Each structure stands twice: as C-alpha cells, then as structure tokens.
Amino acid sequence: MTDLLTRFRRVDTTAICDADRTTRVLDSAIRPRSAAVRICGPAFTVRCREDFLGVLRAVETASPGSVIVVDGGARETAFGGELFARAGLARSLGGIVVDGGYRDMSYVSTCALPVYSRFVTPRAGTASQPGELQVPVTCGGVVVSPGDLVLADDEGLVVVDPARVDALLDAAQAIKDREHGVIELLNGGASLSEALGLE
C-alpha cells in the first residue's frame, strides 16, 4: 500500500479518469469536510439507514489504512461526527466517506483524517441497528465492493478495481508526463493548440 500511496501522490484523479473514462466517480455532492482530502486505501463498506451503529462497528473493526465507505441512502442524517473521526485517527484509518450526513464541523474541518459526506447536519441517527458490513454498497451513485480501492483528492472521489490499479496508475503517470511537456511548450510561447498538437 505504501508504494500505491507514493504513486498516487505523483498523479491525480483527473489523470486517472483520463486514463480510463469508465472509472467509477462518486457524485460531486459528496464533498470533503476535513483539512485532509487525499485518500488512498481499500474500502471497508457499511450499509445503514437512519442509524449509525454500523459505522461505529466499522470504525472499530476495519484494518489500519482502510477507508470506511458508508451507504447511508443519501439521507440527511449524521452517521458520524467528531468522536468517529478521532477514533478513526487513533486506529490509523485511511478515511471516512459517507453518502449521508456528518456533523461536528468545528473539529472535523481541522481533522487530519479525510472525511467526506453528502450533507452536514446536526441531527444524528439512532444507535440500535447493526447495519451491514463488508457487503457491496452504493455510495455516491456507484457500486463499491469491499476491498475496492478508494482514491480521492481536491478533484473528487474515484473507485478502482484493485486488480487494475497498477496499470491505471502507470497510464495516469504517462498522462501527467505528457501534460508537463505541454506546460513547457506553453511556457516557451507556444499556443494551446500548438502545444496540444491540434494545429
């Protein structure tokens, strides 16, 4: 995973999507709420409705580096907050992504653990239903299976089949290398169409 993190830092989600236009991209309404935005880790999935107990279970059982991906049904209910973020940091999780609400922004906005959510809301769910862990879920309009690789940066969130990530990162790096060449041509006075070879 360390090698993947290093390679992902050299590219971005835009290059990944350019390399494969079928890449699963989560709805842009699921936005970063924390100080840290970059995610690179395997999905630990949760499905729950109006109840955050499943998310609590996931935070306590997921392996370090895992990204908690919550299918909350896109409901405006908080499935986590400051305490979940603090617990995730303590367990060295890779991030929390919620298709639903999150709260306690006074802390979360400064948090080093990447947290994404569709809504910010003060209203929490109940804590009585266990939810479903490590099952295929729908988050941000795309299917996420346990172990899928979740990648995020300032541009957005994408999900990649782990069997394809090496080739995809290689292709994304090649795209970034070409972009650097275009930038050098632009800096040298070339027009955009000339730099892109469109003339």
C-alpha atoms as a PDB file:
ATOM      1  CA  MET A   1       0.000   0.000   0.000  1.00  0.00           C
ATOM      2  CA  THR A   2       2.919   2.365   0.657  1.00  0.00           C
ATOM      3  CA  ASP A   3       4.004   2.045  -2.982  1.00  0.00           C
ATOM      4  CA  LEU A   4       0.459   2.794  -4.168  1.00  0.00           C
ATOM      5  CA  LEU A   5       0.294   5.872  -1.943  1.00  0.00           C
ATOM      6  CA  THR A   6       3.583   7.146  -3.358  1.00  0.00           C
ATOM      7  CA  ARG A   7       2.455   6.561  -6.938  1.00  0.00           C
ATOM      8  CA  PHE A   8      -0.948   8.173  -6.367  1.00  0.00           C
ATOM      9  CA  ARG A   9       0.742  11.285  -4.907  1.00  0.00           C
ATOM     10  CA  ARG A  10       2.501  11.761  -8.271  1.00  0.00           C
ATOM     11  CA  VAL A  11      -0.784  11.804 -10.220  1.00  0.00           C
ATOM     12  CA  ASP A  12      -4.375  12.837  -9.503  1.00  0.00           C
ATOM     13  CA  THR A  13      -7.928  11.676 -10.040  1.00  0.00           C
ATOM     14  CA  THR A  14      -8.199  13.731 -13.244  1.00  0.00           C
ATOM     15  CA  ALA A  15      -5.341  11.774 -14.825  1.00  0.00           C
ATOM     16  CA  ILE A  16      -6.895   8.528 -13.624  1.00  0.00           C
ATOM     17  CA  CYS A  17     -10.210   9.421 -15.263  1.00  0.00           C
ATOM     18  CA  ASP A  18      -8.412  10.496 -18.446  1.00  0.00           C
ATOM     19  CA  ALA A  19      -6.618   7.148 -18.486  1.00  0.00           C
ATOM     20  CA  ASP A  20      -9.891   5.234 -18.109  1.00  0.00           C
ATOM     21  CA  ARG A  21     -13.148   7.025 -18.820  1.00  0.00           C
ATOM     22  CA  THR A  22     -15.088   4.148 -17.254  1.00  0.00           C
ATOM     23  CA  THR A  23     -13.582   4.904 -13.828  1.00  0.00           C
ATOM     24  CA  ARG A  24     -16.266   4.994 -11.146  1.00  0.00           C
ATOM     25  CA  VAL A  25     -16.622   8.604  -9.964  1.00  0.00           C
ATOM     26  CA  LEU A  26     -18.702   9.394  -6.896  1.00  0.00           C
ATOM     27  CA  ASP A  27     -21.304  12.144  -7.054  1.00  0.00           C
ATOM     28  CA  SER A  28     -19.640  15.535  -6.585  1.00  0.00           C
ATOM     29  CA  ALA A  29     -22.195  16.311  -3.859  1.00  0.00           C
ATOM     30  CA  ILE A  30     -20.093  14.075  -1.598  1.00  0.00           C
ATOM     31  CA  ARG A  31     -17.579  16.696  -0.550  1.00  0.00           C
ATOM     32  CA  PRO A  32     -14.525  16.930   1.709  1.00  0.00           C
ATOM     33  CA  ARG A  33     -15.302  18.176   5.215  1.00  0.00           C
ATOM     34  CA  SER A  34     -11.847  17.820   6.778  1.00  0.00           C
ATOM     35  CA  ALA A  35      -8.470  19.519   6.478  1.00  0.00           C
ATOM     36  CA  ALA A  36      -7.047  16.458   4.705  1.00  0.00           C
ATOM     37  CA  VAL A  37      -8.611  15.435   1.394  1.00  0.00           C
ATOM     38  CA  ARG A  38      -6.316  12.845  -0.182  1.00  0.00           C
ATOM     39  CA  ILE A  39      -7.412   9.236   0.246  1.00  0.00           C
ATOM     40  CA  CYS A  40      -5.806   6.030  -0.987  1.00  0.00           C
ATOM     41  CA  GLY A  41      -6.990   2.832   0.641  1.00  0.00           C
ATOM     42  CA  PRO A  42      -9.203  -0.247   0.429  1.00  0.00           C
ATOM     43  CA  ALA A  43     -12.927   0.163   1.028  1.00  0.00           C
ATOM     44  CA  PHE A  44     -14.479  -1.180   4.215  1.00  0.00           C
ATOM     45  CA  THR A  45     -18.167  -0.923   3.379  1.00  0.00           C
ATOM     46  CA  VAL A  46     -21.203  -0.221   5.549  1.00  0.00           C
ATOM     47  CA  ARG A  47     -24.904  -0.117   4.664  1.00  0.00           C
ATOM     48  CA  CYS A  48     -27.232   1.530   7.182  1.00  0.00           C
ATOM     49  CA  ARG A  49     -30.341   3.697   7.314  1.00  0.00           C
ATOM     50  CA  GLU A  50     -31.026   6.414   9.911  1.00  0.00           C
ATOM     51  CA  ASP A  51     -28.749   4.567  12.354  1.00  0.00           C
ATOM     52  CA  PHE A  52     -25.003   4.940  12.924  1.00  0.00           C
ATOM     53  CA  LEU A  53     -24.243   1.755  14.880  1.00  0.00           C
ATOM     54  CA  GLY A  54     -22.946   0.046  11.728  1.00  0.00           C
ATOM     55  CA  VAL A  55     -20.492   2.895  11.163  1.00  0.00           C
ATOM     56  CA  LEU A  56     -19.274   2.628  14.756  1.00  0.00           C
ATOM     57  CA  ARG A  57     -18.728  -1.113  14.262  1.00  0.00           C
ATOM     58  CA  ALA A  58     -16.785  -0.438  11.065  1.00  0.00           C
ATOM     59  CA  VAL A  59     -14.528   2.168  12.697  1.00  0.00           C
ATOM     60  CA  GLU A  60     -13.705  -0.318  15.452  1.00  0.00           C
ATOM     61  CA  THR A  61     -13.083  -3.349  13.211  1.00  0.00           C
ATOM     62  CA  ALA A  62     -11.576  -2.043   9.956  1.00  0.00           C
ATOM     63  CA  SER A  63      -7.855  -2.547   9.446  1.00  0.00           C
ATOM     64  CA  PRO A  64      -5.470   0.423   9.533  1.00  0.00           C
ATOM     65  CA  GLY A  65      -5.448   2.197   6.194  1.00  0.00           C
ATOM     66  CA  SER A  66      -8.988   1.141   5.357  1.00  0.00           C
ATOM     67  CA  VAL A  67     -11.492   3.685   4.072  1.00  0.00           C
ATOM     68  CA  ILE A  68     -14.933   3.438   5.674  1.00  0.00           C
ATOM     69  CA  VAL A  69     -17.476   3.778   2.837  1.00  0.00           C
ATOM     70  CA  VAL A  70     -21.000   4.332   4.140  1.00  0.00           C
ATOM     71  CA  ASP A  71     -24.143   3.761   2.103  1.00  0.00           C
ATOM     72  CA  GLY A  72     -26.494   5.857   4.182  1.00  0.00           C
ATOM     73  CA  GLY A  73     -29.121   6.050   1.480  1.00  0.00           C
ATOM     74  CA  ALA A  74     -28.206   9.693   0.719  1.00  0.00           C
ATOM     75  CA  ARG A  75     -30.255  10.699   3.753  1.00  0.00           C
ATOM     76  CA  GLU A  76     -29.772  13.909   5.677  1.00  0.00           C
ATOM     77  CA  THR A  77     -28.874  12.125   8.906  1.00  0.00           C
ATOM     78  CA  ALA A  78     -25.467  12.314  10.574  1.00  0.00           C
ATOM     79  CA  PHE A  79     -23.780   8.906  10.528  1.00  0.00           C
ATOM     80  CA  GLY A  80     -20.699  10.213  12.336  1.00  0.00           C
ATOM     81  CA  GLY A  81     -19.026  13.224  13.864  1.00  0.00           C
ATOM     82  CA  GLU A  82     -16.035  14.310  15.917  1.00  0.00           C
ATOM     83  CA  LEU A  83     -15.828  11.154  18.023  1.00  0.00           C
ATOM     84  CA  PHE A  84     -15.852   8.903  14.939  1.00  0.00           C
ATOM     85  CA  ALA A  85     -13.134  10.992  13.294  1.00  0.00           C
ATOM     86  CA  ARG A  86     -11.000  10.917  16.442  1.00  0.00           C
ATOM     87  CA  ALA A  87     -11.459   7.149  16.742  1.00  0.00           C
ATOM     88  CA  GLY A  88     -10.570   6.724  13.062  1.00  0.00           C
ATOM     89  CA  LEU A  89      -7.387   8.716  13.555  1.00  0.00           C
ATOM     90  CA  ALA A  90      -6.455   6.652  16.580  1.00  0.00           C
ATOM     91  CA  ARG A  91      -6.909   3.473  14.536  1.00  0.00           C
ATOM     92  CA  SER A  92      -4.943   4.886  11.565  1.00  0.00           C
ATOM     93  CA  LEU A  93      -7.845   4.548   9.150  1.00  0.00           C
ATOM     94  CA  GLY A  94      -7.481   5.931   5.637  1.00  0.00           C
ATOM     95  CA  GLY A  95     -10.659   7.994   5.676  1.00  0.00           C
ATOM     96  CA  ILE A  96     -14.431   8.075   6.068  1.00  0.00           C
ATOM     97  CA  VAL A  97     -16.793   8.582   3.109  1.00  0.00           C
ATOM     98  CA  VAL A  98     -20.497   8.933   3.881  1.00  0.00           C
ATOM     99  CA  ASP A  99     -23.397   9.060   1.448  1.00  0.00           C
ATOM    100  CA  GLY A 100     -25.423  10.826   4.084  1.00  0.00           C
ATOM    101  CA  GLY A 101     -24.679  13.370   6.777  1.00  0.00           C
ATOM    102  CA  TYR A 102     -21.766  14.176   9.045  1.00  0.00           C
ATOM    103  CA  ARG A 103     -21.542  16.666  11.893  1.00  0.00           C
ATOM    104  CA  ASP A 104     -19.239  18.436  14.380  1.00  0.00           C
ATOM    105  CA  MET A 105     -17.575  20.579  11.739  1.00  0.00           C
ATOM    106  CA  SER A 106     -15.787  22.738  14.313  1.00  0.00           C
ATOM    107  CA  TYR A 107     -13.472  19.761  14.844  1.00  0.00           C
ATOM    108  CA  VAL A 108     -13.839  17.860  11.585  1.00  0.00           C
ATOM    109  CA  SER A 109     -12.852  20.876   9.464  1.00  0.00           C
ATOM    110  CA  THR A 110      -9.410  20.775  11.121  1.00  0.00           C
ATOM    111  CA  CYS A 111      -9.101  16.991  11.205  1.00  0.00           C
ATOM    112  CA  ALA A 112      -6.135  15.154   9.646  1.00  0.00           C
ATOM    113  CA  LEU A 113      -8.357  12.158   8.821  1.00  0.00           C
ATOM    114  CA  PRO A 114     -10.043  12.671   5.432  1.00  0.00           C
ATOM    115  CA  VAL A 115     -13.821  12.861   5.905  1.00  0.00           C
ATOM    116  CA  TYR A 116     -16.295  13.217   3.045  1.00  0.00           C
ATOM    117  CA  SER A 117     -20.082  13.469   3.251  1.00  0.00           C
ATOM    118  CA  ARG A 118     -23.090  14.448   1.179  1.00  0.00           C
ATOM    119  CA  PHE A 119     -24.603  16.602   3.931  1.00  0.00           C
ATOM    120  CA  VAL A 120     -23.611  18.482   7.038  1.00  0.00           C
ATOM    121  CA  THR A 121     -26.366  18.189   9.624  1.00  0.00           C
ATOM    122  CA  PRO A 122     -26.666  18.354  13.417  1.00  0.00           C
ATOM    123  CA  ARG A 123     -29.257  15.565  13.526  1.00  0.00           C
ATOM    124  CA  ALA A 124     -27.777  12.167  14.362  1.00  0.00           C
ATOM    125  CA  GLY A 125     -29.387   8.830  13.687  1.00  0.00           C
ATOM    126  CA  THR A 126     -30.224   6.205  16.264  1.00  0.00           C
ATOM    127  CA  ALA A 127     -27.771   3.591  17.529  1.00  0.00           C
ATOM    128  CA  SER A 128     -29.782   0.390  17.660  1.00  0.00           C
ATOM    129  CA  GLN A 129     -29.437  -1.322  14.252  1.00  0.00           C
ATOM    130  CA  PRO A 130     -26.204  -3.227  13.487  1.00  0.00           C
ATOM    131  CA  GLY A 131     -26.221  -2.346   9.792  1.00  0.00           C
ATOM    132  CA  GLU A 132     -24.418  -4.485   7.208  1.00  0.00           C
ATOM    133  CA  LEU A 133     -20.640  -4.597   6.996  1.00  0.00           C
ATOM    134  CA  GLN A 134     -18.413  -5.644   4.117  1.00  0.00           C
ATOM    135  CA  VAL A 135     -21.150  -6.038   1.511  1.00  0.00           C
ATOM    136  CA  PRO A 136     -21.413  -4.324  -1.899  1.00  0.00           C
ATOM    137  CA  VAL A 137     -22.956  -0.882  -1.376  1.00  0.00           C
ATOM    138  CA  THR A 138     -23.972   2.119  -3.429  1.00  0.00           C
ATOM    139  CA  CYS A 139     -22.201   5.331  -2.461  1.00  0.00           C
ATOM    140  CA  GLY A 140     -22.399   8.499  -4.472  1.00  0.00           C
ATOM    141  CA  GLY A 141     -24.236   6.679  -7.228  1.00  0.00           C
ATOM    142  CA  VAL A 142     -21.610   3.984  -7.816  1.00  0.00           C
ATOM    143  CA  VAL A 143     -21.244   0.433  -6.571  1.00  0.00           C
ATOM    144  CA  VAL A 144     -18.401  -0.063  -4.105  1.00  0.00           C
ATOM    145  CA  SER A 145     -17.353  -3.560  -3.063  1.00  0.00           C
ATOM    146  CA  PRO A 146     -15.240  -4.458  -0.044  1.00  0.00           C
ATOM    147  CA  GLY A 147     -11.575  -4.100  -0.962  1.00  0.00           C
ATOM    148  CA  ASP A 148     -12.128  -1.763  -3.914  1.00  0.00           C
ATOM    149  CA  LEU A 149      -9.503   0.962  -3.893  1.00  0.00           C
ATOM    150  CA  VAL A 150     -10.824   4.397  -2.952  1.00  0.00           C
ATOM    151  CA  LEU A 151      -8.819   7.351  -4.265  1.00  0.00           C
ATOM    152  CA  ALA A 152      -9.603  10.994  -3.554  1.00  0.00           C
ATOM    153  CA  ASP A 153      -8.057  14.433  -3.901  1.00  0.00           C
ATOM    154  CA  ASP A 154      -9.172  18.014  -4.484  1.00  0.00           C
ATOM    155  CA  GLU A 155     -10.914  16.957  -7.705  1.00  0.00           C
ATOM    156  CA  GLY A 156     -13.156  14.251  -6.242  1.00  0.00           C
ATOM    157  CA  LEU A 157     -13.543  10.606  -5.296  1.00  0.00           C
ATOM    158  CA  VAL A 158     -12.992   7.601  -7.553  1.00  0.00           C
ATOM    159  CA  VAL A 159     -13.204   3.850  -7.009  1.00  0.00           C
ATOM    160  CA  VAL A 160     -10.904   1.389  -8.776  1.00  0.00           C
ATOM    161  CA  ASP A 161     -10.781  -2.395  -9.022  1.00  0.00           C
ATOM    162  CA  PRO A 162      -7.586  -3.316  -7.119  1.00  0.00           C
ATOM    163  CA  ALA A 163      -6.600  -5.761  -9.875  1.00  0.00           C
ATOM    164  CA  ARG A 164      -6.437  -2.835 -12.320  1.00  0.00           C
ATOM    165  CA  VAL A 165      -4.830  -0.151 -10.183  1.00  0.00           C
ATOM    166  CA  ASP A 166      -1.199  -0.773 -11.184  1.00  0.00           C
ATOM    167  CA  ALA A 167      -1.890  -0.409 -14.908  1.00  0.00           C
ATOM    168  CA  LEU A 168      -4.163   2.557 -14.274  1.00  0.00           C
ATOM    169  CA  LEU A 169      -1.562   4.429 -12.217  1.00  0.00           C
ATOM    170  CA  ASP A 170       1.043   3.756 -14.923  1.00  0.00           C
ATOM    171  CA  ALA A 171      -1.309   5.211 -17.549  1.00  0.00           C
ATOM    172  CA  ALA A 172      -2.119   8.190 -15.325  1.00  0.00           C
ATOM    173  CA  GLN A 173       1.591   8.867 -14.822  1.00  0.00           C
ATOM    174  CA  ALA A 174       2.127   8.822 -18.594  1.00  0.00           C
ATOM    175  CA  ILE A 175      -0.662  11.395 -18.956  1.00  0.00           C
ATOM    176  CA  LYS A 176       0.895  13.637 -16.292  1.00  0.00           C
ATOM    177  CA  ASP A 177       4.269  13.367 -18.046  1.00  0.00           C
ATOM    178  CA  ARG A 178       2.677  14.476 -21.330  1.00  0.00           C
ATOM    179  CA  GLU A 179       0.938  17.354 -19.546  1.00  0.00           C
ATOM    180  CA  HIS A 180       4.284  18.552 -18.187  1.00  0.00           C
ATOM    181  CA  GLY A 181       5.592  18.587 -21.756  1.00  0.00           C
ATOM    182  CA  VAL A 182       2.616  20.693 -22.865  1.00  0.00           C
ATOM    183  CA  ILE A 183       3.222  23.108 -19.985  1.00  0.00           C
ATOM    184  CA  GLU A 184       6.856  23.517 -21.048  1.00  0.00           C
ATOM    185  CA  LEU A 185       5.742  24.330 -24.596  1.00  0.00           C
ATOM    186  CA  LEU A 186       3.204  26.875 -23.302  1.00  0.00           C
ATOM    187  CA  ASN A 187       5.854  28.457 -21.108  1.00  0.00           C
ATOM    188  CA  GLY A 188       8.039  28.677 -24.206  1.00  0.00           C
ATOM    189  CA  GLY A 189       5.428  30.700 -26.057  1.00  0.00           C
ATOM    190  CA  ALA A 190       3.506  28.038 -27.979  1.00  0.00           C
ATOM    191  CA  SER A 191      -0.255  28.406 -28.369  1.00  0.00           C
ATOM    192  CA  LEU A 192      -2.502  25.866 -26.682  1.00  0.00           C
ATOM    193  CA  SER A 193      -3.422  24.231 -29.999  1.00  0.00           C
ATOM    194  CA  GLU A 194       0.268  24.029 -30.931  1.00  0.00           C
ATOM    195  CA  ALA A 195       1.239  22.583 -27.549  1.00  0.00           C
ATOM    196  CA  LEU A 196      -1.519  20.005 -27.835  1.00  0.00           C
ATOM    197  CA  GLY A 197      -0.656  19.180 -31.444  1.00  0.00           C
ATOM    198  CA  LEU A 198      -4.091  20.226 -32.682  1.00  0.00           C
ATOM    199  CA  GLU A 199      -2.975  22.719 -35.314  1.00  0.00           C
END
